[in-house]
Amino acid sequence: MLPVDRPALRAALRARYPWLDEPDVGPRGVEAGECDACGAEARLVTTCGPGPVALGRRCAGDAGAGAWCDGHAEEAAAALAWLERLPPEADDVARLWWVATGEVRLDPALTAAIASRALPDR
């Protein structure tokens, strides 16, 4: 397996996707992994329940503010609005971010495929 230049990958991702710097939502605000509800999209928000807690974009949108407790309605509204602004490739970007930070390791062939979608001009 070829090593990934993680600092360069982080820099390229941050330059193209400034939303990665959000500390409370997105790949920096959740534990790396797939959505607790569907298992098919990257986790991007953590809710306080009831139900699955770490959700991807579509599952959080489908659940709406009901995925958060009543005491966190403002947080829910902000997170849902943030999710709506993400680009279509956000799941790939999140997964690549976790590779860039060392939270997960991917086969280089898979990393290259994801990078071609998230950073097409690189």
PDB file of N, CA and C in Angstrom:
ATOM      1  N   MET A   1       0.825  -1.175   0.000  1.00  0.00           N
ATOM      2  CA  MET A   1       0.000   0.000   0.000  1.00  0.00           C
ATOM      3  C   MET A   1       0.877   1.248   0.000  1.00  0.00           C
ATOM      4  N   LEU A   2       0.589   2.180  -0.892  1.00  0.00           N
ATOM      5  CA  LEU A   2       1.346   3.421  -0.958  1.00  0.00           C
ATOM      6  C   LEU A   2       0.856   4.397   0.109  1.00  0.00           C
ATOM      7  N   PRO A   3       1.769   5.136   0.727  1.00  0.00           N
ATOM      8  CA  PRO A   3       1.338   6.092   1.742  1.00  0.00           C
ATOM      9  C   PRO A   3       0.620   7.293   1.114  1.00  0.00           C
ATOM     10  N   VAL A   4      -0.276   7.882   1.872  1.00  0.00           N
ATOM     11  CA  VAL A   4      -0.984   9.090   1.455  1.00  0.00           C
ATOM     12  C   VAL A   4      -0.282  10.272   2.096  1.00  0.00           C
ATOM     13  N   ASP A   5      -0.016  11.311   1.318  1.00  0.00           N
ATOM     14  CA  ASP A   5       0.570  12.534   1.863  1.00  0.00           C
ATOM     15  C   ASP A   5      -0.543  13.278   2.585  1.00  0.00           C
ATOM     16  N   ARG A   6      -0.732  12.935   3.857  1.00  0.00           N
ATOM     17  CA  ARG A   6      -1.875  13.445   4.613  1.00  0.00           C
ATOM     18  C   ARG A   6      -1.870  14.959   4.780  1.00  0.00           C
ATOM     19  N   PRO A   7      -0.731  15.595   5.114  1.00  0.00           N
ATOM     20  CA  PRO A   7      -0.760  17.066   5.232  1.00  0.00           C
ATOM     21  C   PRO A   7      -1.152  17.751   3.918  1.00  0.00           C
ATOM     22  N   ALA A   8      -0.643  17.254   2.805  1.00  0.00           N
ATOM     23  CA  ALA A   8      -0.992  17.852   1.507  1.00  0.00           C
ATOM     24  C   ALA A   8      -2.468  17.630   1.183  1.00  0.00           C
ATOM     25  N   LEU A   9      -2.973  16.457   1.519  1.00  0.00           N
ATOM     26  CA  LEU A   9      -4.381  16.164   1.282  1.00  0.00           C
ATOM     27  C   LEU A   9      -5.265  17.062   2.141  1.00  0.00           C
ATOM     28  N   ARG A  10      -4.914  17.245   3.414  1.00  0.00           N
ATOM     29  CA  ARG A  10      -5.676  18.144   4.286  1.00  0.00           C
ATOM     30  C   ARG A  10      -5.687  19.562   3.721  1.00  0.00           C
ATOM     31  N   ALA A  11      -4.534  20.035   3.292  1.00  0.00           N
ATOM     32  CA  ALA A  11      -4.438  21.400   2.754  1.00  0.00           C
ATOM     33  C   ALA A  11      -5.290  21.560   1.496  1.00  0.00           C
ATOM     34  N   ALA A  12      -5.234  20.580   0.615  1.00  0.00           N
ATOM     35  CA  ALA A  12      -6.030  20.652  -0.621  1.00  0.00           C
ATOM     36  C   ALA A  12      -7.527  20.629  -0.318  1.00  0.00           C
ATOM     37  N   LEU A  13      -7.911  19.781   0.612  1.00  0.00           N
ATOM     38  CA  LEU A  13      -9.331  19.701   0.970  1.00  0.00           C
ATOM     39  C   LEU A  13      -9.810  20.990   1.627  1.00  0.00           C
ATOM     40  N   ARG A  14      -9.033  21.535   2.539  1.00  0.00           N
ATOM     41  CA  ARG A  14      -9.424  22.782   3.212  1.00  0.00           C
ATOM     42  C   ARG A  14      -9.506  23.946   2.234  1.00  0.00           C
ATOM     43  N   ALA A  15      -8.586  23.984   1.279  1.00  0.00           N
ATOM     44  CA  ALA A  15      -8.588  25.070   0.298  1.00  0.00           C
ATOM     45  C   ALA A  15      -9.853  25.036  -0.559  1.00  0.00           C
ATOM     46  N   ARG A  16     -10.298  23.862  -0.901  1.00  0.00           N
ATOM     47  CA  ARG A  16     -11.465  23.724  -1.775  1.00  0.00           C
ATOM     48  C   ARG A  16     -12.786  23.694  -1.013  1.00  0.00           C
ATOM     49  N   TYR A  17     -12.761  23.195   0.221  1.00  0.00           N
ATOM     50  CA  TYR A  17     -13.985  23.007   1.010  1.00  0.00           C
ATOM     51  C   TYR A  17     -13.837  23.658   2.388  1.00  0.00           C
ATOM     52  N   PRO A  18     -14.020  24.965   2.498  1.00  0.00           N
ATOM     53  CA  PRO A  18     -13.849  25.640   3.787  1.00  0.00           C
ATOM     54  C   PRO A  18     -14.813  25.149   4.871  1.00  0.00           C
ATOM     55  N   TRP A  19     -15.906  24.517   4.485  1.00  0.00           N
ATOM     56  CA  TRP A  19     -16.847  23.987   5.481  1.00  0.00           C
ATOM     57  C   TRP A  19     -16.220  22.886   6.330  1.00  0.00           C
ATOM     58  N   LEU A  20     -15.080  22.351   5.923  1.00  0.00           N
ATOM     59  CA  LEU A  20     -14.396  21.334   6.729  1.00  0.00           C
ATOM     60  C   LEU A  20     -13.901  21.887   8.063  1.00  0.00           C
ATOM     61  N   ASP A  21     -13.770  23.192   8.171  1.00  0.00           N
ATOM     62  CA  ASP A  21     -13.268  23.792   9.405  1.00  0.00           C
ATOM     63  C   ASP A  21     -14.333  23.956  10.481  1.00  0.00           C
ATOM     64  N   GLU A  22     -15.567  23.598  10.176  1.00  0.00           N
ATOM     65  CA  GLU A  22     -16.627  23.662  11.196  1.00  0.00           C
ATOM     66  C   GLU A  22     -16.337  22.636  12.290  1.00  0.00           C
ATOM     67  N   PRO A  23     -16.224  23.060  13.542  1.00  0.00           N
ATOM     68  CA  PRO A  23     -15.872  22.111  14.608  1.00  0.00           C
ATOM     69  C   PRO A  23     -17.035  21.278  15.145  1.00  0.00           C
ATOM     70  N   ASP A  24     -18.276  21.742  14.939  1.00  0.00           N
ATOM     71  CA  ASP A  24     -19.412  21.054  15.558  1.00  0.00           C
ATOM     72  C   ASP A  24     -20.216  20.187  14.607  1.00  0.00           C
ATOM     73  N   VAL A  25     -20.063  20.383  13.318  1.00  0.00           N
ATOM     74  CA  VAL A  25     -20.756  19.586  12.305  1.00  0.00           C
ATOM     75  C   VAL A  25     -19.740  19.199  11.236  1.00  0.00           C
ATOM     76  N   GLY A  26     -20.084  18.220  10.437  1.00  0.00           N
ATOM     77  CA  GLY A  26     -19.156  17.768   9.410  1.00  0.00           C
ATOM     78  C   GLY A  26     -18.186  16.750   9.959  1.00  0.00           C
ATOM     79  N   PRO A  27     -17.197  16.384   9.168  1.00  0.00           N
ATOM     80  CA  PRO A  27     -16.294  15.310   9.579  1.00  0.00           C
ATOM     81  C   PRO A  27     -15.442  15.608  10.804  1.00  0.00           C
ATOM     82  N   ARG A  28     -15.265  16.872  11.154  1.00  0.00           N
ATOM     83  CA  ARG A  28     -14.516  17.210  12.373  1.00  0.00           C
ATOM     84  C   ARG A  28     -15.383  17.119  13.616  1.00  0.00           C
ATOM     85  N   GLY A  29     -16.698  17.185  13.443  1.00  0.00           N
ATOM     86  CA  GLY A  29     -17.592  17.210  14.588  1.00  0.00           C
ATOM     87  C   GLY A  29     -18.218  15.879  14.933  1.00  0.00           C
ATOM     88  N   VAL A  30     -17.860  14.836  14.195  1.00  0.00           N
ATOM     89  CA  VAL A  30     -18.436  13.508  14.429  1.00  0.00           C
ATOM     90  C   VAL A  30     -17.327  12.467  14.467  1.00  0.00           C
ATOM     91  N   GLU A  31     -17.643  11.316  14.988  1.00  0.00           N
ATOM     92  CA  GLU A  31     -16.717  10.190  14.925  1.00  0.00           C
ATOM     93  C   GLU A  31     -16.745   9.642  13.500  1.00  0.00           C
ATOM     94  N   ALA A  32     -15.587   9.361  12.943  1.00  0.00           N
ATOM     95  CA  ALA A  32     -15.502   8.848  11.570  1.00  0.00           C
ATOM     96  C   ALA A  32     -16.346   7.591  11.418  1.00  0.00           C
ATOM     97  N   GLY A  33     -17.070   7.530  10.322  1.00  0.00           N
ATOM     98  CA  GLY A  33     -17.868   6.346  10.052  1.00  0.00           C
ATOM     99  C   GLY A  33     -19.081   6.646   9.210  1.00  0.00           C
ATOM    100  N   GLU A  34     -19.872   5.611   9.015  1.00  0.00           N
ATOM    101  CA  GLU A  34     -21.070   5.729   8.199  1.00  0.00           C
ATOM    102  C   GLU A  34     -22.287   6.024   9.076  1.00  0.00           C
ATOM    103  N   CYS A  35     -23.284   6.591   8.481  1.00  0.00           N
ATOM    104  CA  CYS A  35     -24.531   6.987   9.140  1.00  0.00           C
ATOM    105  C   CYS A  35     -25.112   5.845   9.969  1.00  0.00           C
ATOM    106  N   ASP A  36     -25.496   6.145  11.202  1.00  0.00           N
ATOM    107  CA  ASP A  36     -26.097   5.144  12.084  1.00  0.00           C
ATOM    108  C   ASP A  36     -27.429   4.630  11.547  1.00  0.00           C
ATOM    109  N   ALA A  37     -28.122   5.437  10.767  1.00  0.00           N
ATOM    110  CA  ALA A  37     -29.448   5.046  10.282  1.00  0.00           C
ATOM    111  C   ALA A  37     -29.377   4.173   9.037  1.00  0.00           C
ATOM    112  N   CYS A  38     -28.585   4.586   8.036  1.00  0.00           N
ATOM    113  CA  CYS A  38     -28.588   3.856   6.760  1.00  0.00           C
ATOM    114  C   CYS A  38     -27.301   3.105   6.477  1.00  0.00           C
ATOM    115  N   GLY A  39     -26.195   3.512   7.094  1.00  0.00           N
ATOM    116  CA  GLY A  39     -24.915   2.865   6.851  1.00  0.00           C
ATOM    117  C   GLY A  39     -24.350   3.101   5.464  1.00  0.00           C
ATOM    118  N   ALA A  40     -24.939   4.034   4.708  1.00  0.00           N
ATOM    119  CA  ALA A  40     -24.509   4.236   3.325  1.00  0.00           C
ATOM    120  C   ALA A  40     -23.982   5.633   3.027  1.00  0.00           C
ATOM    121  N   GLU A  41     -24.061   6.527   3.978  1.00  0.00           N
ATOM    122  CA  GLU A  41     -23.525   7.862   3.751  1.00  0.00           C
ATOM    123  C   GLU A  41     -22.655   8.247   4.938  1.00  0.00           C
ATOM    124  N   ALA A  42     -21.747   9.183   4.711  1.00  0.00           N
ATOM    125  CA  ALA A  42     -20.825   9.603   5.764  1.00  0.00           C
ATOM    126  C   ALA A  42     -21.573  10.326   6.878  1.00  0.00           C
ATOM    127  N   ARG A  43     -21.155  10.063   8.105  1.00  0.00           N
ATOM    128  CA  ARG A  43     -21.711  10.806   9.245  1.00  0.00           C
ATOM    129  C   ARG A  43     -21.309  12.268   9.113  1.00  0.00           C
ATOM    130  N   LEU A  44     -22.281  13.155   9.297  1.00  0.00           N
ATOM    131  CA  LEU A  44     -21.977  14.583   9.214  1.00  0.00           C
ATOM    132  C   LEU A  44     -22.522  15.384  10.376  1.00  0.00           C
ATOM    133  N   VAL A  45     -23.490  14.846  11.099  1.00  0.00           N
ATOM    134  CA  VAL A  45     -24.017  15.530  12.281  1.00  0.00           C
ATOM    135  C   VAL A  45     -24.247  14.523  13.391  1.00  0.00           C
ATOM    136  N   THR A  46     -24.130  15.010  14.606  1.00  0.00           N
ATOM    137  CA  THR A  46     -24.455  14.206  15.774  1.00  0.00           C
ATOM    138  C   THR A  46     -25.669  14.843  16.426  1.00  0.00           C
ATOM    139  N   THR A  47     -26.693  14.043  16.617  1.00  0.00           N
ATOM    140  CA  THR A  47     -27.918  14.535  17.239  1.00  0.00           C
ATOM    141  C   THR A  47     -27.970  14.047  18.678  1.00  0.00           C
ATOM    142  N   CYS A  48     -28.997  14.434  19.387  1.00  0.00           N
ATOM    143  CA  CYS A  48     -29.140  13.966  20.770  1.00  0.00           C
ATOM    144  C   CYS A  48     -30.301  12.984  20.898  1.00  0.00           C
ATOM    145  N   GLY A  49     -30.809  12.529  19.756  1.00  0.00           N
ATOM    146  CA  GLY A  49     -31.854  11.518  19.780  1.00  0.00           C
ATOM    147  C   GLY A  49     -33.228  12.134  19.944  1.00  0.00           C
ATOM    148  N   PRO A  50     -34.219  11.369  19.935  1.00  0.00           N
ATOM    149  CA  PRO A  50     -34.238   9.898  20.014  1.00  0.00           C
ATOM    150  C   PRO A  50     -33.838   9.267  18.682  1.00  0.00           C
ATOM    151  N   GLY A  51     -33.501   7.999  18.738  1.00  0.00           N
ATOM    152  CA  GLY A  51     -33.142   7.263  17.529  1.00  0.00           C
ATOM    153  C   GLY A  51     -31.662   7.300  17.251  1.00  0.00           C
ATOM    154  N   PRO A  52     -31.283   6.967  16.005  1.00  0.00           N
ATOM    155  CA  PRO A  52     -29.866   6.988  15.626  1.00  0.00           C
ATOM    156  C   PRO A  52     -29.272   8.373  15.875  1.00  0.00           C
ATOM    157  N   VAL A  53     -28.026   8.398  16.303  1.00  0.00           N
ATOM    158  CA  VAL A  53     -27.432   9.658  16.740  1.00  0.00           C
ATOM    159  C   VAL A  53     -26.489  10.292  15.709  1.00  0.00           C
ATOM    160  N   ALA A  54     -25.625   9.537  15.076  1.00  0.00           N
ATOM    161  CA  ALA A  54     -24.675  10.078  14.097  1.00  0.00           C
ATOM    162  C   ALA A  54     -25.255   9.842  12.708  1.00  0.00           C
ATOM    163  N   LEU A  55     -25.654  10.938  12.065  1.00  0.00           N
ATOM    164  CA  LEU A  55     -26.403  10.814  10.810  1.00  0.00           C
ATOM    165  C   LEU A  55     -25.696  11.446   9.629  1.00  0.00           C
ATOM    166  N   GLY A  56     -25.985  10.911   8.477  1.00  0.00           N
ATOM    167  CA  GLY A  56     -25.558  11.490   7.219  1.00  0.00           C
ATOM    168  C   GLY A  56     -26.555  12.541   6.773  1.00  0.00           C
ATOM    169  N   ARG A  57     -26.235  13.165   5.669  1.00  0.00           N
ATOM    170  CA  ARG A  57     -27.024  14.291   5.177  1.00  0.00           C
ATOM    171  C   ARG A  57     -28.482  13.931   4.893  1.00  0.00           C
ATOM    172  N   ARG A  58     -28.705  12.902   4.091  1.00  0.00           N
ATOM    173  CA  ARG A  58     -30.087  12.552   3.728  1.00  0.00           C
ATOM    174  C   ARG A  58     -30.885  12.068   4.928  1.00  0.00           C
ATOM    175  N   CYS A  59     -30.290  11.239   5.759  1.00  0.00           N
ATOM    176  CA  CYS A  59     -31.016  10.726   6.928  1.00  0.00           C
ATOM    177  C   CYS A  59     -31.349  11.837   7.910  1.00  0.00           C
ATOM    178  N   ALA A  60     -30.432  12.775   8.113  1.00  0.00           N
ATOM    179  CA  ALA A  60     -30.711  13.908   9.001  1.00  0.00           C
ATOM    180  C   ALA A  60     -31.826  14.765   8.405  1.00  0.00           C
ATOM    181  N   GLY A  61     -31.759  14.987   7.101  1.00  0.00           N
ATOM    182  CA  GLY A  61     -32.806  15.762   6.451  1.00  0.00           C
ATOM    183  C   GLY A  61     -34.159  15.088   6.549  1.00  0.00           C
ATOM    184  N   ASP A  62     -34.183  13.775   6.363  1.00  0.00           N
ATOM    185  CA  ASP A  62     -35.441  13.028   6.465  1.00  0.00           C
ATOM    186  C   ASP A  62     -35.999  13.069   7.879  1.00  0.00           C
ATOM    187  N   ALA A  63     -35.128  12.970   8.872  1.00  0.00           N
ATOM    188  CA  ALA A  63     -35.564  12.984  10.273  1.00  0.00           C
ATOM    189  C   ALA A  63     -35.952  14.382  10.724  1.00  0.00           C
ATOM    190  N   GLY A  64     -35.327  15.395  10.131  1.00  0.00           N
ATOM    191  CA  GLY A  64     -35.615  16.771  10.492  1.00  0.00           C
ATOM    192  C   GLY A  64     -35.236  17.076  11.936  1.00  0.00           C
ATOM    193  N   ALA A  65     -35.840  18.116  12.467  1.00  0.00           N
ATOM    194  CA  ALA A  65     -35.528  18.547  13.834  1.00  0.00           C
ATOM    195  C   ALA A  65     -35.901  17.491  14.865  1.00  0.00           C
ATOM    196  N   GLY A  66     -36.737  16.524  14.492  1.00  0.00           N
ATOM    197  CA  GLY A  66     -37.117  15.455  15.400  1.00  0.00           C
ATOM    198  C   GLY A  66     -35.970  14.539  15.790  1.00  0.00           C
ATOM    199  N   ALA A  67     -34.851  14.633  15.077  1.00  0.00           N
ATOM    200  CA  ALA A  67     -33.679  13.828  15.432  1.00  0.00           C
ATOM    201  C   ALA A  67     -32.940  14.406  16.638  1.00  0.00           C
ATOM    202  N   TRP A  68     -33.293  15.616  17.023  1.00  0.00           N
ATOM    203  CA  TRP A  68     -32.720  16.269  18.186  1.00  0.00           C
ATOM    204  C   TRP A  68     -33.800  16.388  19.262  1.00  0.00           C
ATOM    205  N   CYS A  69     -33.395  16.505  20.494  1.00  0.00           N
ATOM    206  CA  CYS A  69     -34.367  16.700  21.571  1.00  0.00           C
ATOM    207  C   CYS A  69     -34.918  18.119  21.492  1.00  0.00           C
ATOM    208  N   ASP A  70     -36.030  18.356  22.177  1.00  0.00           N
ATOM    209  CA  ASP A  70     -36.677  19.670  22.139  1.00  0.00           C
ATOM    210  C   ASP A  70     -35.768  20.792  22.631  1.00  0.00           C
ATOM    211  N   GLY A  71     -34.889  20.488  23.560  1.00  0.00           N
ATOM    212  CA  GLY A  71     -33.986  21.499  24.097  1.00  0.00           C
ATOM    213  C   GLY A  71     -32.909  21.950  23.134  1.00  0.00           C
ATOM    214  N   HIS A  72     -32.758  21.245  22.024  1.00  0.00           N
ATOM    215  CA  HIS A  72     -31.728  21.596  21.039  1.00  0.00           C
ATOM    216  C   HIS A  72     -32.327  21.961  19.682  1.00  0.00           C
ATOM    217  N   ALA A  73     -33.484  22.587  19.694  1.00  0.00           N
ATOM    218  CA  ALA A  73     -34.169  22.953  18.448  1.00  0.00           C
ATOM    219  C   ALA A  73     -33.347  23.937  17.606  1.00  0.00           C
ATOM    220  N   GLU A  74     -32.696  24.900  18.249  1.00  0.00           N
ATOM    221  CA  GLU A  74     -31.876  25.864  17.504  1.00  0.00           C
ATOM    222  C   GLU A  74     -30.673  25.185  16.871  1.00  0.00           C
ATOM    223  N   GLU A  75     -30.031  24.294  17.625  1.00  0.00           N
ATOM    224  CA  GLU A  75     -28.911  23.510  17.101  1.00  0.00           C
ATOM    225  C   GLU A  75     -29.352  22.689  15.898  1.00  0.00           C
ATOM    226  N   ALA A  76     -30.525  22.073  16.016  1.00  0.00           N
ATOM    227  CA  ALA A  76     -31.068  21.256  14.936  1.00  0.00           C
ATOM    228  C   ALA A  76     -31.283  22.087  13.682  1.00  0.00           C
ATOM    229  N   ALA A  77     -31.899  23.249  13.830  1.00  0.00           N
ATOM    230  CA  ALA A  77     -32.160  24.121  12.684  1.00  0.00           C
ATOM    231  C   ALA A  77     -30.860  24.547  12.004  1.00  0.00           C
ATOM    232  N   ALA A  78     -29.868  24.899  12.804  1.00  0.00           N
ATOM    233  CA  ALA A  78     -28.575  25.316  12.249  1.00  0.00           C
ATOM    234  C   ALA A  78     -27.890  24.162  11.525  1.00  0.00           C
ATOM    235  N   ALA A  79     -27.904  22.972  12.119  1.00  0.00           N
ATOM    236  CA  ALA A  79     -27.265  21.812  11.496  1.00  0.00           C
ATOM    237  C   ALA A  79     -27.968  21.434  10.193  1.00  0.00           C
ATOM    238  N   LEU A  80     -29.284  21.454  10.192  1.00  0.00           N
ATOM    239  CA  LEU A  80     -30.028  21.099   8.982  1.00  0.00           C
ATOM    240  C   LEU A  80     -29.797  22.115   7.865  1.00  0.00           C
ATOM    241  N   ALA A  81     -29.737  23.390   8.213  1.00  0.00           N
ATOM    242  CA  ALA A  81     -29.446  24.422   7.210  1.00  0.00           C
ATOM    243  C   ALA A  81     -28.035  24.247   6.665  1.00  0.00           C
ATOM    244  N   TRP A  82     -27.087  23.925   7.533  1.00  0.00           N
ATOM    245  CA  TRP A  82     -25.707  23.702   7.113  1.00  0.00           C
ATOM    246  C   TRP A  82     -25.639  22.521   6.145  1.00  0.00           C
ATOM    247  N   LEU A  83     -26.319  21.442   6.460  1.00  0.00           N
ATOM    248  CA  LEU A  83     -26.322  20.259   5.596  1.00  0.00           C
ATOM    249  C   LEU A  83     -26.862  20.573   4.206  1.00  0.00           C
ATOM    250  N   GLU A  84     -27.878  21.420   4.135  1.00  0.00           N
ATOM    251  CA  GLU A  84     -28.477  21.769   2.838  1.00  0.00           C
ATOM    252  C   GLU A  84     -27.510  22.531   1.944  1.00  0.00           C
ATOM    253  N   ARG A  85     -26.540  23.200   2.526  1.00  0.00           N
ATOM    254  CA  ARG A  85     -25.583  23.997   1.742  1.00  0.00           C
ATOM    255  C   ARG A  85     -24.407  23.176   1.214  1.00  0.00           C
ATOM    256  N   LEU A  86     -24.291  21.929   1.629  1.00  0.00           N
ATOM    257  CA  LEU A  86     -23.142  21.123   1.222  1.00  0.00           C
ATOM    258  C   LEU A  86     -23.191  20.769  -0.262  1.00  0.00           C
ATOM    259  N   PRO A  87     -22.016  20.615  -0.870  1.00  0.00           N
ATOM    260  CA  PRO A  87     -21.975  20.213  -2.277  1.00  0.00           C
ATOM    261  C   PRO A  87     -22.322  18.722  -2.423  1.00  0.00           C
ATOM    262  N   PRO A  88     -22.663  18.289  -3.621  1.00  0.00           N
ATOM    263  CA  PRO A  88     -23.037  16.886  -3.833  1.00  0.00           C
ATOM    264  C   PRO A  88     -21.965  15.885  -3.403  1.00  0.00           C
ATOM    265  N   GLU A  89     -20.704  16.268  -3.494  1.00  0.00           N
ATOM    266  CA  GLU A  89     -19.604  15.349  -3.183  1.00  0.00           C
ATOM    267  C   GLU A  89     -19.218  15.352  -1.704  1.00  0.00           C
ATOM    268  N   ALA A  90     -20.046  15.906  -0.846  1.00  0.00           N
ATOM    269  CA  ALA A  90     -19.708  16.046   0.576  1.00  0.00           C
ATOM    270  C   ALA A  90     -19.371  14.719   1.255  1.00  0.00           C
ATOM    271  N   ASP A  91     -20.057  13.633   0.911  1.00  0.00           N
ATOM    272  CA  ASP A  91     -19.740  12.341   1.531  1.00  0.00           C
ATOM    273  C   ASP A  91     -18.319  11.913   1.191  1.00  0.00           C
ATOM    274  N   ASP A  92     -17.939  12.048  -0.072  1.00  0.00           N
ATOM    275  CA  ASP A  92     -16.574  11.696  -0.473  1.00  0.00           C
ATOM    276  C   ASP A  92     -15.559  12.587   0.220  1.00  0.00           C
ATOM    277  N   VAL A  93     -15.869  13.872   0.326  1.00  0.00           N
ATOM    278  CA  VAL A  93     -14.970  14.820   0.979  1.00  0.00           C
ATOM    279  C   VAL A  93     -14.786  14.436   2.448  1.00  0.00           C
ATOM    280  N   ALA A  94     -15.865  14.095   3.123  1.00  0.00           N
ATOM    281  CA  ALA A  94     -15.776  13.708   4.540  1.00  0.00           C
ATOM    282  C   ALA A  94     -14.901  12.463   4.700  1.00  0.00           C
ATOM    283  N   ARG A  95     -15.130  11.468   3.872  1.00  0.00           N
ATOM    284  CA  ARG A  95     -14.330  10.234   3.970  1.00  0.00           C
ATOM    285  C   ARG A  95     -12.858  10.512   3.679  1.00  0.00           C
ATOM    286  N   LEU A  96     -12.604  11.342   2.701  1.00  0.00           N
ATOM    287  CA  LEU A  96     -11.226  11.696   2.371  1.00  0.00           C
ATOM    288  C   LEU A  96     -10.588  12.511   3.500  1.00  0.00           C
ATOM    289  N   TRP A  97     -11.380  13.353   4.162  1.00  0.00           N
ATOM    290  CA  TRP A  97     -10.878  14.101   5.313  1.00  0.00           C
ATOM    291  C   TRP A  97     -10.420  13.146   6.404  1.00  0.00           C
ATOM    292  N   TRP A  98     -11.203  12.104   6.659  1.00  0.00           N
ATOM    293  CA  TRP A  98     -10.823  11.145   7.695  1.00  0.00           C
ATOM    294  C   TRP A  98      -9.549  10.405   7.318  1.00  0.00           C
ATOM    295  N   VAL A  99      -9.317  10.181   6.036  1.00  0.00           N
ATOM    296  CA  VAL A  99      -8.048   9.601   5.590  1.00  0.00           C
ATOM    297  C   VAL A  99      -6.930  10.610   5.846  1.00  0.00           C
ATOM    298  N   ALA A 100      -7.178  11.869   5.494  1.00  0.00           N
ATOM    299  CA  ALA A 100      -6.167  12.925   5.638  1.00  0.00           C
ATOM    300  C   ALA A 100      -5.782  13.166   7.092  1.00  0.00           C
ATOM    301  N   THR A 101      -6.698  12.912   8.018  1.00  0.00           N
ATOM    302  CA  THR A 101      -6.398  13.124   9.437  1.00  0.00           C
ATOM    303  C   THR A 101      -5.901  11.860  10.119  1.00  0.00           C
ATOM    304  N   GLY A 102      -5.908  10.753   9.405  1.00  0.00           N
ATOM    305  CA  GLY A 102      -5.443   9.497   9.977  1.00  0.00           C
ATOM    306  C   GLY A 102      -6.497   8.752  10.776  1.00  0.00           C
ATOM    307  N   GLU A 103      -7.737   9.236  10.753  1.00  0.00           N
ATOM    308  CA  GLU A 103      -8.800   8.556  11.493  1.00  0.00           C
ATOM    309  C   GLU A 103      -9.172   7.224  10.852  1.00  0.00           C
ATOM    310  N   VAL A 104      -9.041   7.139   9.546  1.00  0.00           N
ATOM    311  CA  VAL A 104      -9.278   5.882   8.835  1.00  0.00           C
ATOM    312  C   VAL A 104      -8.181   5.697   7.803  1.00  0.00           C
ATOM    313  N   ARG A 105      -7.993   4.456   7.403  1.00  0.00           N
ATOM    314  CA  ARG A 105      -7.043   4.140   6.338  1.00  0.00           C
ATOM    315  C   ARG A 105      -7.798   3.431   5.231  1.00  0.00           C
ATOM    316  N   LEU A 106      -7.534   3.838   4.020  1.00  0.00           N
ATOM    317  CA  LEU A 106      -8.177   3.229   2.863  1.00  0.00           C
ATOM    318  C   LEU A 106      -7.130   2.633   1.943  1.00  0.00           C
ATOM    319  N   ASP A 107      -7.558   1.675   1.176  1.00  0.00           N
ATOM    320  CA  ASP A 107      -6.726   1.148   0.110  1.00  0.00           C
ATOM    321  C   ASP A 107      -6.404   2.310  -0.832  1.00  0.00           C
ATOM    322  N   PRO A 108      -5.155   2.456  -1.278  1.00  0.00           N
ATOM    323  CA  PRO A 108      -4.797   3.584  -2.150  1.00  0.00           C
ATOM    324  C   PRO A 108      -5.664   3.682  -3.405  1.00  0.00           C
ATOM    325  N   ALA A 109      -6.084   2.565  -3.954  1.00  0.00           N
ATOM    326  CA  ALA A 109      -6.933   2.614  -5.144  1.00  0.00           C
ATOM    327  C   ALA A 109      -8.267   3.280  -4.814  1.00  0.00           C
ATOM    328  N   LEU A 110      -8.809   2.976  -3.667  1.00  0.00           N
ATOM    329  CA  LEU A 110     -10.064   3.593  -3.249  1.00  0.00           C
ATOM    330  C   LEU A 110      -9.855   5.060  -2.929  1.00  0.00           C
ATOM    331  N   THR A 111      -8.749   5.387  -2.279  1.00  0.00           N
ATOM    332  CA  THR A 111      -8.442   6.785  -1.975  1.00  0.00           C
ATOM    333  C   THR A 111      -8.341   7.587  -3.261  1.00  0.00           C
ATOM    334  N   ALA A 112      -7.688   7.039  -4.265  1.00  0.00           N
ATOM    335  CA  ALA A 112      -7.549   7.734  -5.549  1.00  0.00           C
ATOM    336  C   ALA A 112      -8.903   7.957  -6.203  1.00  0.00           C
ATOM    337  N   ALA A 113      -9.783   6.978  -6.148  1.00  0.00           N
ATOM    338  CA  ALA A 113     -11.110   7.109  -6.749  1.00  0.00           C
ATOM    339  C   ALA A 113     -11.913   8.196  -6.040  1.00  0.00           C
ATOM    340  N   ILE A 114     -11.867   8.208  -4.720  1.00  0.00           N
ATOM    341  CA  ILE A 114     -12.595   9.229  -3.956  1.00  0.00           C
ATOM    342  C   ILE A 114     -11.993  10.605  -4.220  1.00  0.00           C
ATOM    343  N   ALA A 115     -10.663  10.680  -4.245  1.00  0.00           N
ATOM    344  CA  ALA A 115     -10.002  11.958  -4.482  1.00  0.00           C
ATOM    345  C   ALA A 115     -10.348  12.515  -5.861  1.00  0.00           C
ATOM    346  N   SER A 116     -10.500  11.656  -6.851  1.00  0.00           N
ATOM    347  CA  SER A 116     -10.834  12.144  -8.190  1.00  0.00           C
ATOM    348  C   SER A 116     -12.217  12.794  -8.223  1.00  0.00           C
ATOM    349  N   ARG A 117     -13.107  12.359  -7.330  1.00  0.00           N
ATOM    350  CA  ARG A 117     -14.439  12.979  -7.265  1.00  0.00           C
ATOM    351  C   ARG A 117     -14.421  14.235  -6.389  1.00  0.00           C
ATOM    352  N   ALA A 118     -13.694  14.202  -5.295  1.00  0.00           N
ATOM    353  CA  ALA A 118     -13.677  15.328  -4.363  1.00  0.00           C
ATOM    354  C   ALA A 118     -12.717  16.429  -4.789  1.00  0.00           C
ATOM    355  N   LEU A 119     -11.628  16.062  -5.436  1.00  0.00           N
ATOM    356  CA  LEU A 119     -10.615  17.032  -5.896  1.00  0.00           C
ATOM    357  C   LEU A 119     -10.301  16.768  -7.364  1.00  0.00           C
ATOM    358  N   PRO A 120     -11.253  16.995  -8.262  1.00  0.00           N
ATOM    359  CA  PRO A 120     -11.068  16.613  -9.657  1.00  0.00           C
ATOM    360  C   PRO A 120      -9.943  17.327 -10.391  1.00  0.00           C
ATOM    361  N   ASP A 121      -9.554  18.508  -9.948  1.00  0.00           N
ATOM    362  CA  ASP A 121      -8.503  19.249 -10.646  1.00  0.00           C
ATOM    363  C   ASP A 121      -7.129  19.056 -10.025  1.00  0.00           C
ATOM    364  N   ARG A 122      -7.004  18.111  -9.114  1.00  0.00           N
ATOM    365  CA  ARG A 122      -5.728  17.889  -8.428  1.00  0.00           C
ATOM    366  C   ARG A 122      -4.888  16.915  -9.175  1.00  0.00           C
TER     367      ARG A 122
END
